[in-house]
Amino acid sequence: DFDNGSYQEGTFKDGYLNGFGIDVWGPNNTSSREGFFVNGNLQGIGKETYLSEIGEIVQLDISYTDGLANGKGTATFPRVALVIGNNNYLKTNPLDNAINDAMLIKNTLENAGFEVIFRSDVTFKEFLNSIDIFKEQIKSKGTIVDSLFYYSGHAVQVEGTNYLNPIDTDVNSKYDLDTGSINMNRIFGAMENLSTAVKIIILDACRNNPFTSFTRSPVKG
């Protein structure tokens, strides 16, 4: 530890970091370099963290030679995802693989650094609750957040609007959709204006529409 509050952690030799370690400094210790050190200098791929001008924590993966950056840094921001898979529908045909597909996406996103909210076989009420949690989680991470929504299950499209079906959906006409299914505008509302980073929506939906008089032609896939 140093008088100004900065510090180093790791393995030392002759007073220098040697091996994996971290060097922390700056106001409230908001800046750091982390990776493999040789005689106090970073070598190879390391991670640099600092506080941006707008007060956001930014992380960069950078290649170093003798402590000097020699490769382009890639910024990484907080990442939040909501992943939902529905198989066991109560009022319509069940699906076989929606939950398995959603679980695969969940694992892939977690390996990519996402904090994943995972739900399966959700009712209408549980779906709404999951969206609220997703929105609050994005909001809690600051203004620069990567967000992703993935849904696998039944859906319907009416007059250009997509609706995602909870397992307890019981819809007999288009007028029941807003109270029995999830309007995609709810997802857009949870993600927009809360962050300036990447926003991704993936719908892996089976749309077999029973309301052919006022919806698109039946589509599966």
C-alpha atoms as a PDB file:
ATOM      1  CA  ASP A   1       0.000   0.000   0.000  1.00  0.00           C
ATOM      2  CA  PHE A   2       1.099   3.561  -0.736  1.00  0.00           C
ATOM      3  CA  ASP A   3       0.519   6.817   1.138  1.00  0.00           C
ATOM      4  CA  ASN A   4      -1.962   8.052  -1.488  1.00  0.00           C
ATOM      5  CA  GLY A   5      -4.179   5.002  -0.995  1.00  0.00           C
ATOM      6  CA  SER A   6      -3.143   3.148  -4.141  1.00  0.00           C
ATOM      7  CA  TYR A   7      -2.012  -0.442  -3.785  1.00  0.00           C
ATOM      8  CA  GLN A   8      -0.736  -3.533  -5.578  1.00  0.00           C
ATOM      9  CA  GLU A   9      -1.684  -7.148  -5.033  1.00  0.00           C
ATOM     10  CA  GLY A  10       0.033 -10.261  -6.336  1.00  0.00           C
ATOM     11  CA  THR A  11       3.403 -11.956  -6.218  1.00  0.00           C
ATOM     12  CA  PHE A  12       6.434  -9.696  -5.696  1.00  0.00           C
ATOM     13  CA  LYS A  13      10.112 -10.188  -6.493  1.00  0.00           C
ATOM     14  CA  ASP A  14      12.755  -7.571  -5.704  1.00  0.00           C
ATOM     15  CA  GLY A  15       9.954  -5.109  -4.910  1.00  0.00           C
ATOM     16  CA  TYR A  16       8.161  -5.526  -8.241  1.00  0.00           C
ATOM     17  CA  LEU A  17       5.045  -7.408  -9.252  1.00  0.00           C
ATOM     18  CA  ASN A  18       5.978 -10.659 -10.946  1.00  0.00           C
ATOM     19  CA  GLY A  19       3.214 -12.997 -12.052  1.00  0.00           C
ATOM     20  CA  PHE A  20      -0.523 -12.350 -11.969  1.00  0.00           C
ATOM     21  CA  GLY A  21      -1.448  -9.226 -10.064  1.00  0.00           C
ATOM     22  CA  ILE A  22      -3.299  -5.943  -9.964  1.00  0.00           C
ATOM     23  CA  ASP A  23      -2.121  -2.334  -9.700  1.00  0.00           C
ATOM     24  CA  VAL A  24      -4.785   0.070  -8.334  1.00  0.00           C
ATOM     25  CA  TRP A  25      -4.643   3.878  -8.150  1.00  0.00           C
ATOM     26  CA  GLY A  26      -6.584   7.079  -8.800  1.00  0.00           C
ATOM     27  CA  PRO A  27      -9.427   8.878  -6.991  1.00  0.00           C
ATOM     28  CA  ASN A  28     -11.195   6.354  -4.770  1.00  0.00           C
ATOM     29  CA  ASN A  29      -9.028   3.685  -6.421  1.00  0.00           C
ATOM     30  CA  THR A  30     -11.130   3.739  -9.585  1.00  0.00           C
ATOM     31  CA  SER A  31      -8.223   3.000 -11.957  1.00  0.00           C
ATOM     32  CA  SER A  32      -6.405  -0.295 -12.246  1.00  0.00           C
ATOM     33  CA  ARG A  33      -4.303  -2.570 -14.423  1.00  0.00           C
ATOM     34  CA  GLU A  34      -4.663  -6.310 -14.053  1.00  0.00           C
ATOM     35  CA  GLY A  35      -2.850  -9.187 -15.689  1.00  0.00           C
ATOM     36  CA  PHE A  36       0.563 -10.877 -15.838  1.00  0.00           C
ATOM     37  CA  PHE A  37       3.444  -8.680 -14.655  1.00  0.00           C
ATOM     38  CA  VAL A  38       7.165  -9.060 -15.311  1.00  0.00           C
ATOM     39  CA  ASN A  39       9.366  -6.826 -13.129  1.00  0.00           C
ATOM     40  CA  GLY A  40       6.392  -4.515 -12.536  1.00  0.00           C
ATOM     41  CA  ASN A  41       5.377  -4.261 -16.195  1.00  0.00           C
ATOM     42  CA  LEU A  42       2.320  -5.867 -17.769  1.00  0.00           C
ATOM     43  CA  GLN A  43       2.968  -8.443 -20.464  1.00  0.00           C
ATOM     44  CA  GLY A  44       0.420  -9.922 -22.867  1.00  0.00           C
ATOM     45  CA  ILE A  45      -3.330  -9.400 -22.538  1.00  0.00           C
ATOM     46  CA  GLY A  46      -4.302  -7.309 -19.550  1.00  0.00           C
ATOM     47  CA  LYS A  47      -7.357  -5.451 -18.307  1.00  0.00           C
ATOM     48  CA  GLU A  48      -7.377  -1.715 -17.664  1.00  0.00           C
ATOM     49  CA  THR A  49     -10.184  -0.041 -15.725  1.00  0.00           C
ATOM     50  CA  TYR A  50     -10.816   3.668 -15.289  1.00  0.00           C
ATOM     51  CA  LEU A  51     -13.538   6.204 -14.552  1.00  0.00           C
ATOM     52  CA  SER A  52     -14.777   7.992 -17.691  1.00  0.00           C
ATOM     53  CA  GLU A  53     -15.513  11.726 -17.934  1.00  0.00           C
ATOM     54  CA  ILE A  54     -19.227  11.043 -17.399  1.00  0.00           C
ATOM     55  CA  GLY A  55     -18.597   8.950 -14.308  1.00  0.00           C
ATOM     56  CA  GLU A  56     -18.981   5.464 -15.854  1.00  0.00           C
ATOM     57  CA  ILE A  57     -16.615   2.590 -15.101  1.00  0.00           C
ATOM     58  CA  VAL A  58     -14.934   1.507 -18.356  1.00  0.00           C
ATOM     59  CA  GLN A  59     -12.936  -1.679 -18.812  1.00  0.00           C
ATOM     60  CA  LEU A  60     -10.510  -2.278 -21.669  1.00  0.00           C
ATOM     61  CA  ASP A  61      -8.867  -5.543 -22.713  1.00  0.00           C
ATOM     62  CA  ILE A  62      -5.450  -4.451 -23.993  1.00  0.00           C
ATOM     63  CA  SER A  63      -2.297  -6.163 -25.213  1.00  0.00           C
ATOM     64  CA  TYR A  64       0.847  -4.965 -23.402  1.00  0.00           C
ATOM     65  CA  THR A  65       4.590  -5.188 -24.058  1.00  0.00           C
ATOM     66  CA  ASP A  66       6.884  -4.138 -21.190  1.00  0.00           C
ATOM     67  CA  GLY A  67       3.986  -2.283 -19.575  1.00  0.00           C
ATOM     68  CA  LEU A  68       3.084  -0.314 -22.708  1.00  0.00           C
ATOM     69  CA  ALA A  69      -0.181  -0.868 -24.556  1.00  0.00           C
ATOM     70  CA  ASN A  70       0.474  -2.081 -28.087  1.00  0.00           C
ATOM     71  CA  GLY A  71      -2.970  -3.284 -29.103  1.00  0.00           C
ATOM     72  CA  LYS A  72      -6.377  -1.719 -29.543  1.00  0.00           C
ATOM     73  CA  GLY A  73      -8.459  -1.750 -26.386  1.00  0.00           C
ATOM     74  CA  THR A  74     -11.948  -3.232 -26.464  1.00  0.00           C
ATOM     75  CA  ALA A  75     -14.335  -1.592 -24.044  1.00  0.00           C
ATOM     76  CA  THR A  76     -16.620  -3.836 -22.040  1.00  0.00           C
ATOM     77  CA  PHE A  77     -19.690  -2.522 -20.240  1.00  0.00           C
ATOM     78  CA  PRO A  78     -22.171  -4.149 -17.878  1.00  0.00           C
ATOM     79  CA  ARG A  79     -24.343  -6.665 -19.706  1.00  0.00           C
ATOM     80  CA  VAL A  80     -27.854  -7.697 -18.723  1.00  0.00           C
ATOM     81  CA  ALA A  81     -30.131 -10.213 -20.444  1.00  0.00           C
ATOM     82  CA  LEU A  82     -33.647 -11.541 -19.943  1.00  0.00           C
ATOM     83  CA  VAL A  83     -34.064 -15.058 -21.352  1.00  0.00           C
ATOM     84  CA  ILE A  84     -37.464 -16.782 -21.364  1.00  0.00           C
ATOM     85  CA  GLY A  85     -38.455 -20.206 -22.669  1.00  0.00           C
ATOM     86  CA  ASN A  86     -42.005 -21.612 -22.583  1.00  0.00           C
ATOM     87  CA  ASN A  87     -42.848 -25.257 -23.263  1.00  0.00           C
ATOM     88  CA  ASN A  88     -45.849 -26.333 -21.221  1.00  0.00           C
ATOM     89  CA  TYR A  89     -48.795 -24.301 -22.461  1.00  0.00           C
ATOM     90  CA  LEU A  90     -52.089 -24.867 -20.697  1.00  0.00           C
ATOM     91  CA  LYS A  91     -54.527 -23.829 -23.447  1.00  0.00           C
ATOM     92  CA  THR A  92     -52.616 -24.614 -26.630  1.00  0.00           C
ATOM     93  CA  ASN A  93     -50.155 -27.150 -27.985  1.00  0.00           C
ATOM     94  CA  PRO A  94     -47.024 -27.550 -25.846  1.00  0.00           C
ATOM     95  CA  LEU A  95     -43.550 -27.166 -27.321  1.00  0.00           C
ATOM     96  CA  ASP A  96     -40.652 -29.590 -26.987  1.00  0.00           C
ATOM     97  CA  ASN A  97     -37.475 -27.538 -27.194  1.00  0.00           C
ATOM     98  CA  ALA A  98     -38.178 -23.921 -26.218  1.00  0.00           C
ATOM     99  CA  ILE A  99     -36.780 -24.264 -22.683  1.00  0.00           C
ATOM    100  CA  ASN A 100     -33.724 -26.190 -23.894  1.00  0.00           C
ATOM    101  CA  ASP A 101     -33.047 -23.510 -26.511  1.00  0.00           C
ATOM    102  CA  ALA A 102     -33.429 -20.784 -23.903  1.00  0.00           C
ATOM    103  CA  MET A 103     -31.074 -22.602 -21.527  1.00  0.00           C
ATOM    104  CA  LEU A 104     -28.452 -22.858 -24.285  1.00  0.00           C
ATOM    105  CA  ILE A 105     -28.743 -19.117 -24.909  1.00  0.00           C
ATOM    106  CA  LYS A 106     -28.494 -18.452 -21.159  1.00  0.00           C
ATOM    107  CA  ASN A 107     -25.247 -20.422 -20.873  1.00  0.00           C
ATOM    108  CA  THR A 108     -23.792 -18.757 -23.965  1.00  0.00           C
ATOM    109  CA  LEU A 109     -24.613 -15.278 -22.690  1.00  0.00           C
ATOM    110  CA  GLU A 110     -23.188 -15.973 -19.240  1.00  0.00           C
ATOM    111  CA  ASN A 111     -19.946 -17.125 -20.862  1.00  0.00           C
ATOM    112  CA  ALA A 112     -19.934 -13.805 -22.759  1.00  0.00           C
ATOM    113  CA  GLY A 113     -20.184 -11.817 -19.531  1.00  0.00           C
ATOM    114  CA  PHE A 114     -23.928 -11.206 -19.346  1.00  0.00           C
ATOM    115  CA  GLU A 115     -25.842 -11.175 -16.090  1.00  0.00           C
ATOM    116  CA  VAL A 116     -28.799 -13.328 -17.108  1.00  0.00           C
ATOM    117  CA  ILE A 117     -32.330 -13.315 -15.724  1.00  0.00           C
ATOM    118  CA  PHE A 118     -33.634 -16.743 -16.773  1.00  0.00           C
ATOM    119  CA  ARG A 119     -37.263 -17.809 -16.623  1.00  0.00           C
ATOM    120  CA  SER A 120     -39.132 -20.836 -17.951  1.00  0.00           C
ATOM    121  CA  ASP A 121     -42.839 -21.683 -18.294  1.00  0.00           C
ATOM    122  CA  VAL A 122     -43.946 -18.243 -17.125  1.00  0.00           C
ATOM    123  CA  THR A 123     -47.541 -17.160 -16.602  1.00  0.00           C
ATOM    124  CA  PHE A 124     -48.801 -13.737 -17.680  1.00  0.00           C
ATOM    125  CA  LYS A 125     -48.161 -12.303 -14.229  1.00  0.00           C
ATOM    126  CA  GLU A 126     -44.700 -13.874 -14.011  1.00  0.00           C
ATOM    127  CA  PHE A 127     -43.823 -12.567 -17.489  1.00  0.00           C
ATOM    128  CA  LEU A 128     -44.713  -9.003 -16.468  1.00  0.00           C
ATOM    129  CA  ASN A 129     -42.723  -9.365 -13.258  1.00  0.00           C
ATOM    130  CA  SER A 130     -39.689 -10.603 -15.205  1.00  0.00           C
ATOM    131  CA  ILE A 131     -39.840  -7.576 -17.495  1.00  0.00           C
ATOM    132  CA  ASP A 132     -39.973  -5.245 -14.483  1.00  0.00           C
ATOM    133  CA  ILE A 133     -36.925  -6.961 -12.948  1.00  0.00           C
ATOM    134  CA  PHE A 134     -35.102  -6.703 -16.289  1.00  0.00           C
ATOM    135  CA  LYS A 135     -35.842  -2.981 -16.519  1.00  0.00           C
ATOM    136  CA  GLU A 136     -34.668  -2.299 -12.971  1.00  0.00           C
ATOM    137  CA  GLN A 137     -31.517  -4.355 -13.482  1.00  0.00           C
ATOM    138  CA  ILE A 138     -30.597  -2.345 -16.574  1.00  0.00           C
ATOM    139  CA  LYS A 139     -31.315   0.898 -14.762  1.00  0.00           C
ATOM    140  CA  SER A 140     -29.148  -0.093 -11.787  1.00  0.00           C
ATOM    141  CA  LYS A 141     -26.070  -0.618 -13.977  1.00  0.00           C
ATOM    142  CA  GLY A 142     -25.786   3.002 -15.159  1.00  0.00           C
ATOM    143  CA  THR A 143     -26.263   4.644 -18.528  1.00  0.00           C
ATOM    144  CA  ILE A 144     -23.911   2.452 -20.580  1.00  0.00           C
ATOM    145  CA  VAL A 145     -25.298  -1.087 -20.458  1.00  0.00           C
ATOM    146  CA  ASP A 146     -25.503  -3.823 -23.086  1.00  0.00           C
ATOM    147  CA  SER A 147     -28.999  -5.341 -22.908  1.00  0.00           C
ATOM    148  CA  LEU A 148     -30.473  -8.401 -24.617  1.00  0.00           C
ATOM    149  CA  PHE A 149     -33.902 -10.044 -24.626  1.00  0.00           C
ATOM    150  CA  TYR A 150     -34.430 -13.608 -25.865  1.00  0.00           C
ATOM    151  CA  TYR A 151     -37.765 -15.419 -26.079  1.00  0.00           C
ATOM    152  CA  SER A 152     -38.566 -18.950 -27.205  1.00  0.00           C
ATOM    153  CA  GLY A 153     -42.194 -20.070 -27.261  1.00  0.00           C
ATOM    154  CA  HIS A 154     -45.564 -19.342 -28.873  1.00  0.00           C
ATOM    155  CA  ALA A 155     -46.280 -15.884 -30.268  1.00  0.00           C
ATOM    156  CA  VAL A 156     -48.783 -14.133 -32.496  1.00  0.00           C
ATOM    157  CA  GLN A 157     -48.602 -11.078 -34.743  1.00  0.00           C
ATOM    158  CA  VAL A 158     -51.644  -8.853 -35.116  1.00  0.00           C
ATOM    159  CA  GLU A 159     -51.730  -5.758 -37.305  1.00  0.00           C
ATOM    160  CA  GLY A 160     -47.939  -5.472 -37.242  1.00  0.00           C
ATOM    161  CA  THR A 161     -47.561  -5.951 -33.478  1.00  0.00           C
ATOM    162  CA  ASN A 162     -45.921  -9.038 -31.963  1.00  0.00           C
ATOM    163  CA  TYR A 163     -47.380 -10.633 -28.851  1.00  0.00           C
ATOM    164  CA  LEU A 164     -45.511 -13.238 -26.784  1.00  0.00           C
ATOM    165  CA  ASN A 165     -47.682 -15.902 -25.173  1.00  0.00           C
ATOM    166  CA  PRO A 166     -47.283 -16.903 -21.520  1.00  0.00           C
ATOM    167  CA  ILE A 167     -48.195 -20.500 -20.709  1.00  0.00           C
ATOM    168  CA  ASP A 168     -51.621 -19.469 -19.360  1.00  0.00           C
ATOM    169  CA  THR A 169     -52.606 -17.416 -22.421  1.00  0.00           C
ATOM    170  CA  ASP A 170     -56.331 -17.839 -23.156  1.00  0.00           C
ATOM    171  CA  VAL A 171     -57.047 -15.590 -26.109  1.00  0.00           C
ATOM    172  CA  ASN A 172     -60.146 -15.933 -28.273  1.00  0.00           C
ATOM    173  CA  SER A 173     -59.955 -12.679 -30.194  1.00  0.00           C
ATOM    174  CA  LYS A 174     -57.525  -9.867 -30.870  1.00  0.00           C
ATOM    175  CA  TYR A 175     -59.222  -7.843 -28.161  1.00  0.00           C
ATOM    176  CA  ASP A 176     -58.001 -10.319 -25.519  1.00  0.00           C
ATOM    177  CA  LEU A 177     -54.329  -9.987 -26.467  1.00  0.00           C
ATOM    178  CA  ASP A 178     -53.362  -7.030 -24.304  1.00  0.00           C
ATOM    179  CA  THR A 179     -54.720  -8.727 -21.182  1.00  0.00           C
ATOM    180  CA  GLY A 180     -53.698 -12.287 -22.008  1.00  0.00           C
ATOM    181  CA  SER A 181     -50.458 -11.946 -23.949  1.00  0.00           C
ATOM    182  CA  ILE A 182     -47.323  -9.781 -23.784  1.00  0.00           C
ATOM    183  CA  ASN A 183     -47.172  -6.885 -26.214  1.00  0.00           C
ATOM    184  CA  MET A 184     -43.604  -6.526 -27.518  1.00  0.00           C
ATOM    185  CA  ASN A 185     -43.839  -2.810 -26.809  1.00  0.00           C
ATOM    186  CA  ARG A 186     -43.395  -3.738 -23.137  1.00  0.00           C
ATOM    187  CA  ILE A 187     -39.968  -5.159 -23.988  1.00  0.00           C
ATOM    188  CA  PHE A 188     -39.038  -2.108 -26.059  1.00  0.00           C
ATOM    189  CA  GLY A 189     -40.124   0.092 -23.178  1.00  0.00           C
ATOM    190  CA  ALA A 190     -37.926  -1.782 -20.725  1.00  0.00           C
ATOM    191  CA  MET A 191     -34.843  -1.357 -22.902  1.00  0.00           C
ATOM    192  CA  GLU A 192     -35.147   2.054 -24.546  1.00  0.00           C
ATOM    193  CA  ASN A 193     -33.815   5.300 -23.098  1.00  0.00           C
ATOM    194  CA  LEU A 194     -32.137   3.484 -20.197  1.00  0.00           C
ATOM    195  CA  SER A 195     -28.736   2.941 -21.765  1.00  0.00           C
ATOM    196  CA  THR A 196     -26.632   4.042 -24.715  1.00  0.00           C
ATOM    197  CA  ALA A 197     -24.915   0.740 -25.394  1.00  0.00           C
ATOM    198  CA  VAL A 198     -25.993  -2.255 -27.514  1.00  0.00           C
ATOM    199  CA  LYS A 199     -29.626  -3.441 -27.413  1.00  0.00           C
ATOM    200  CA  ILE A 200     -30.537  -6.836 -28.929  1.00  0.00           C
ATOM    201  CA  ILE A 201     -33.897  -8.622 -29.196  1.00  0.00           C
ATOM    202  CA  ILE A 202     -34.109 -12.240 -30.406  1.00  0.00           C
ATOM    203  CA  LEU A 203     -37.477 -13.931 -30.939  1.00  0.00           C
ATOM    204  CA  ASP A 204     -37.305 -17.679 -31.537  1.00  0.00           C
ATOM    205  CA  ALA A 205     -41.090 -17.947 -31.686  1.00  0.00           C
ATOM    206  CA  CYS A 206     -43.571 -20.406 -33.104  1.00  0.00           C
ATOM    207  CA  ARG A 207     -46.378 -18.282 -34.580  1.00  0.00           C
ATOM    208  CA  ASN A 208     -49.387 -20.427 -35.461  1.00  0.00           C
ATOM    209  CA  ASN A 209     -52.119 -17.791 -35.480  1.00  0.00           C
ATOM    210  CA  PRO A 210     -55.709 -18.872 -34.848  1.00  0.00           C
ATOM    211  CA  PHE A 211     -57.113 -15.448 -35.789  1.00  0.00           C
ATOM    212  CA  THR A 212     -56.644 -15.662 -39.550  1.00  0.00           C
ATOM    213  CA  SER A 213     -59.363 -13.134 -40.232  1.00  0.00           C
ATOM    214  CA  PHE A 214     -57.323 -10.277 -38.791  1.00  0.00           C
ATOM    215  CA  THR A 215     -53.754 -11.535 -38.446  1.00  0.00           C
ATOM    216  CA  ARG A 216     -50.978 -12.496 -40.775  1.00  0.00           C
ATOM    217  CA  SER A 217     -51.207 -15.848 -42.461  1.00  0.00           C
ATOM    218  CA  PRO A 218     -50.272 -18.721 -40.140  1.00  0.00           C
ATOM    219  CA  VAL A 219     -46.504 -18.996 -39.870  1.00  0.00           C
ATOM    220  CA  LYS A 220     -44.406 -21.498 -38.000  1.00  0.00           C
ATOM    221  CA  GLY A 221     -40.771 -20.953 -37.159  1.00  0.00           C
END
